[in-house]
Amino acid sequence: MKKISTLLTVALLTASIGGAFSALAADSTSNQSTSVTSSTTPFAVVHDQSAYFPTGQGTVNFDYKAPASGTEKVQVFVQNNSAKSINVKMVSPSGTAWISGFTIAPGKSLISEHYFGASQQGFWLVYFDTNDGSPISVDVRVKDGL
């Protein structure tokens, strides 16, 4: 009976030490993740939208605010969640096509990066078209300060 009691004590002690080690490992991992996250370059999400256009054509717009001076990198992300390929065109406030002639296959995405300054400030338009009227489902995300 004394052997069983001793074995039970050893087992409980081992489990509690192992649990404490696991908790320390988890804390160590979470601190590491936190430090990695905090060390990344800050950016702002200018626009984040999921859109559905049942007629095969549609437009998403976003308002870009320029930095006080200079330029900054801006990233435009478009995910095609549709069953068909979609055509994408992005037009600046002045009417210039910055993205044109791009087709995104179903389930695929487009990432386009540009340097914007004061002359690019204002409302931007992103046009979508399927050419055959098939419904469009997209996710659009615009980040600045990259």
Protein backbone atom coordinates (compact mmCIF):
# COMPACT_ATOMS: atom_id res chain seq x y z
CA MET A 1 0.00 0.00 0.00
CA LYS A 2 2.91 2.32 0.77
CA LYS A 3 4.29 1.75 -2.79
CA ILE A 4 0.98 2.82 -4.35
CA SER A 5 0.85 5.95 -2.21
CA THR A 6 4.45 6.81 -3.13
CA LEU A 7 3.78 6.20 -6.84
CA LEU A 8 0.64 8.35 -6.69
CA THR A 9 2.57 11.18 -5.01
CA VAL A 10 5.36 10.98 -7.63
CA ALA A 11 2.81 10.96 -10.45
CA LEU A 12 0.96 14.00 -9.10
CA LEU A 13 4.20 15.88 -8.50
CA THR A 14 5.40 15.08 -12.03
CA ALA A 15 2.08 16.17 -13.54
CA SER A 16 2.09 19.46 -11.66
CA ILE A 17 5.70 20.21 -12.66
CA GLY A 18 4.89 19.32 -16.26
CA GLY A 19 1.78 21.53 -16.15
CA ALA A 20 3.81 24.42 -14.75
CA PHE A 21 6.39 23.96 -17.49
CA SER A 22 3.64 23.92 -20.14
CA ALA A 23 2.16 27.11 -18.69
CA LEU A 24 5.59 28.78 -18.75
CA ALA A 25 6.12 27.62 -22.33
CA ALA A 26 2.72 29.02 -23.32
CA ASP A 27 3.51 32.35 -21.64
CA SER A 28 6.89 32.44 -23.35
CA THR A 29 5.29 31.77 -26.73
CA SER A 30 2.57 34.39 -26.27
CA ASN A 31 5.13 37.00 -25.19
CA GLN A 32 7.18 36.19 -28.24
CA SER A 33 4.14 36.63 -30.51
CA THR A 34 3.28 39.91 -28.83
CA SER A 35 6.75 41.29 -29.35
CA VAL A 36 6.73 40.26 -33.00
CA THR A 37 3.36 41.95 -33.51
CA SER A 38 4.44 45.14 -31.78
CA SER A 39 7.64 45.36 -33.81
CA THR A 40 5.86 45.48 -37.18
CA THR A 41 5.52 48.75 -39.06
CA PRO A 42 2.24 50.47 -38.21
CA PHE A 43 -0.25 50.95 -41.00
CA ALA A 44 -3.83 52.05 -41.31
CA VAL A 45 -6.64 50.16 -43.00
CA VAL A 46 -8.18 52.82 -45.21
CA HIS A 47 -10.96 50.57 -46.47
CA ASP A 48 -12.13 47.01 -45.70
CA GLN A 49 -15.28 45.81 -47.45
CA SER A 50 -16.96 42.67 -48.72
CA ALA A 51 -19.22 43.45 -51.65
CA TYR A 52 -21.75 41.52 -53.75
CA PHE A 53 -22.94 42.65 -57.17
CA PRO A 54 -25.69 40.35 -58.55
CA THR A 55 -25.66 41.90 -62.05
CA GLY A 56 -22.00 41.22 -62.86
CA GLN A 57 -20.90 44.84 -62.52
CA GLY A 58 -20.17 47.00 -59.52
CA THR A 59 -18.01 49.66 -57.94
CA VAL A 60 -16.30 50.03 -54.57
CA ASN A 61 -14.88 53.39 -53.55
CA PHE A 62 -12.50 54.52 -50.85
CA ASP A 63 -11.34 57.92 -49.60
CA TYR A 64 -7.56 58.34 -49.47
CA LYS A 65 -6.10 60.96 -47.12
CA ALA A 66 -2.55 61.95 -48.04
CA PRO A 67 0.24 62.25 -45.46
CA ALA A 68 1.22 65.73 -44.24
CA SER A 69 4.32 65.58 -46.43
CA GLY A 70 5.93 63.19 -48.88
CA THR A 71 4.53 59.92 -50.11
CA GLU A 72 3.58 56.60 -48.56
CA LYS A 73 3.14 53.08 -49.82
CA VAL A 74 -0.49 52.04 -50.30
CA GLN A 75 -1.56 48.43 -50.82
CA VAL A 76 -4.78 47.47 -52.59
CA PHE A 77 -5.96 43.88 -52.06
CA VAL A 78 -8.87 42.35 -54.00
CA GLN A 79 -10.08 38.78 -53.38
CA ASN A 80 -12.39 37.20 -55.95
CA ASN A 81 -14.96 35.08 -54.09
CA SER A 82 -17.05 34.58 -57.26
CA ALA A 83 -17.53 31.49 -59.39
CA LYS A 84 -16.27 33.36 -62.49
CA SER A 85 -13.23 35.48 -63.33
CA ILE A 86 -13.62 39.21 -62.77
CA ASN A 87 -12.04 42.21 -64.46
CA VAL A 88 -10.69 44.95 -62.18
CA LYS A 89 -9.97 48.62 -62.83
CA MET A 90 -8.90 51.21 -60.22
CA VAL A 91 -9.33 54.89 -61.07
CA SER A 92 -7.82 57.86 -59.21
CA PRO A 93 -9.73 61.00 -58.18
CA SER A 94 -8.33 62.73 -61.28
CA GLY A 95 -9.71 60.00 -63.59
CA THR A 96 -6.42 58.18 -64.28
CA ALA A 97 -6.60 54.37 -64.42
CA TRP A 98 -3.95 53.05 -61.99
CA ILE A 99 -5.01 49.43 -62.35
CA SER A 100 -6.50 48.38 -65.66
CA GLY A 101 -6.74 45.19 -67.70
CA PHE A 102 -6.35 42.81 -64.72
CA THR A 103 -8.46 39.67 -64.51
CA ILE A 104 -8.71 37.73 -61.25
CA ALA A 105 -9.64 34.04 -61.45
CA PRO A 106 -12.18 32.56 -59.02
CA GLY A 107 -10.70 32.12 -55.54
CA LYS A 108 -7.61 34.18 -56.43
CA SER A 109 -6.53 37.65 -55.37
CA LEU A 110 -4.70 40.71 -56.62
CA ILE A 111 -2.29 42.76 -54.52
CA SER A 112 -1.18 46.04 -56.02
CA GLU A 113 1.18 48.49 -54.29
CA HIS A 114 1.62 52.15 -55.15
CA TYR A 115 3.22 55.28 -53.72
CA PHE A 116 0.61 57.95 -53.05
CA GLY A 117 1.07 61.59 -52.09
CA ALA A 118 -1.01 64.76 -51.97
CA SER A 119 -1.98 64.58 -55.66
CA GLN A 120 -3.64 61.17 -55.11
CA GLN A 121 -5.83 62.36 -52.23
CA GLY A 122 -9.59 61.90 -52.66
CA PHE A 123 -12.17 59.31 -53.68
CA TRP A 124 -10.85 56.32 -55.60
CA LEU A 125 -13.08 53.94 -57.57
CA VAL A 126 -12.52 50.21 -58.07
CA TYR A 127 -14.67 48.82 -60.90
CA PHE A 128 -15.60 45.14 -61.28
CA ASP A 129 -17.07 43.36 -64.31
CA THR A 130 -17.58 39.70 -65.32
CA ASN A 131 -18.37 40.36 -69.02
CA ASP A 132 -21.31 37.91 -68.87
CA GLY A 133 -23.48 39.25 -66.04
CA SER A 134 -22.45 36.56 -63.54
CA PRO A 135 -22.70 37.69 -59.91
CA ILE A 136 -19.59 39.17 -58.30
CA SER A 137 -18.47 38.65 -54.71
CA VAL A 138 -15.25 40.41 -53.66
CA ASP A 139 -13.29 41.47 -50.61
CA VAL A 140 -11.46 44.79 -50.96
CA ARG A 141 -8.88 46.02 -48.46
CA VAL A 142 -6.76 49.15 -48.77
CA LYS A 143 -3.87 49.86 -46.38
CA ASP A 144 -1.61 52.88 -46.20
CA GLY A 145 1.52 53.79 -44.27
CA LEU A 146 3.35 50.61 -45.28
